[in-house]
């Protein structure tokens, strides 16, 4: 009887080990994917900052052109 119980316990432990190995593989894959998403997000932030900087530059240049051509609107 104890041999049968031991075998059942061993079979359950083997099944648990296989499940854990599968979970480890999935966690590793998801960790890689999350890292990739984080890197892509960081690049998007850098690109957005560069676009904002260029827009600020264009805004300053446009204001300067409007002043030189005396096209600025004055709000009372």
Protein backbone atom coordinates (compact mmCIF):
# COMPACT_ATOMS: atom_id res chain seq x y z
CA UNK A 1 0.00 0.00 0.00
CA UNK A 2 2.78 2.46 0.88
CA UNK A 3 4.52 1.69 -2.44
CA UNK A 4 1.35 2.68 -4.26
CA UNK A 5 1.08 5.91 -2.26
CA UNK A 6 4.77 6.66 -2.88
CA UNK A 7 4.27 6.16 -6.62
CA UNK A 8 1.24 8.44 -6.64
CA UNK A 9 3.17 11.13 -4.75
CA UNK A 10 6.11 10.79 -7.15
CA UNK A 11 3.80 11.07 -10.16
CA UNK A 12 2.22 14.22 -8.72
CA UNK A 13 5.65 15.69 -8.03
CA UNK A 14 6.76 14.94 -11.61
CA UNK A 15 3.63 16.61 -12.94
CA UNK A 16 4.21 19.64 -10.70
CA UNK A 17 7.84 19.87 -11.88
CA UNK A 18 6.77 19.79 -15.54
CA UNK A 19 4.18 22.48 -14.88
CA UNK A 20 6.78 24.65 -13.14
CA UNK A 21 9.22 24.23 -16.03
CA UNK A 22 6.51 25.30 -18.46
CA UNK A 23 5.69 28.31 -16.29
CA UNK A 24 9.38 29.25 -16.08
CA UNK A 25 9.62 29.22 -19.89
CA UNK A 26 6.52 31.39 -20.19
CA UNK A 27 7.78 33.85 -17.56
CA UNK A 28 11.13 34.11 -19.37
CA UNK A 29 9.36 34.78 -22.67
CA UNK A 30 7.07 37.39 -21.10
CA UNK A 31 10.01 39.06 -19.36
CA UNK A 32 11.72 39.46 -22.73
CA UNK A 33 8.56 40.86 -24.30
CA UNK A 34 8.04 43.35 -21.45
CA UNK A 35 11.65 44.50 -21.77
CA UNK A 36 11.09 45.05 -25.48
CA UNK A 37 7.94 47.07 -24.77
CA UNK A 38 9.78 49.16 -22.16
CA UNK A 39 12.58 49.87 -24.63
CA UNK A 40 10.11 50.86 -27.35
CA UNK A 41 8.30 53.15 -24.92
CA UNK A 42 11.58 54.81 -23.95
CA UNK A 43 12.38 55.44 -27.62
CA UNK A 44 8.93 56.95 -28.12
CA UNK A 45 9.54 59.33 -25.20
CA UNK A 46 12.84 60.42 -26.72
CA UNK A 47 11.21 60.94 -30.12
CA UNK A 48 8.37 62.93 -28.55
CA UNK A 49 10.85 65.14 -26.70
CA UNK A 50 12.70 65.80 -29.96
CA UNK A 51 9.46 66.70 -31.75
CA UNK A 52 8.47 69.05 -28.92
CA UNK A 53 11.88 70.70 -29.07
CA UNK A 54 11.57 71.25 -32.82
CA UNK A 55 8.06 72.66 -32.41
CA UNK A 56 9.34 75.10 -29.80
CA UNK A 57 12.06 76.16 -32.21
CA UNK A 58 9.55 76.67 -35.02
CA UNK A 59 7.31 78.66 -32.71
CA UNK A 60 10.19 81.00 -31.78
CA UNK A 61 11.19 81.42 -35.42
CA UNK A 62 7.60 82.17 -36.44
CA UNK A 63 7.26 84.79 -33.71
CA UNK A 64 10.49 86.42 -34.89
CA UNK A 65 9.29 86.46 -38.50
CA UNK A 66 5.93 87.95 -37.48
CA UNK A 67 7.70 90.70 -35.51
CA UNK A 68 9.97 91.54 -38.42
CA UNK A 69 7.04 91.71 -40.80
CA UNK A 70 4.94 93.49 -38.23
CA UNK A 71 2.24 90.85 -38.48
CA UNK A 72 1.81 90.18 -34.78
CA UNK A 73 -1.69 90.48 -33.43
CA UNK A 74 -1.93 92.51 -30.31
CA UNK A 75 -4.64 91.55 -27.90
CA UNK A 76 -6.10 94.49 -25.99
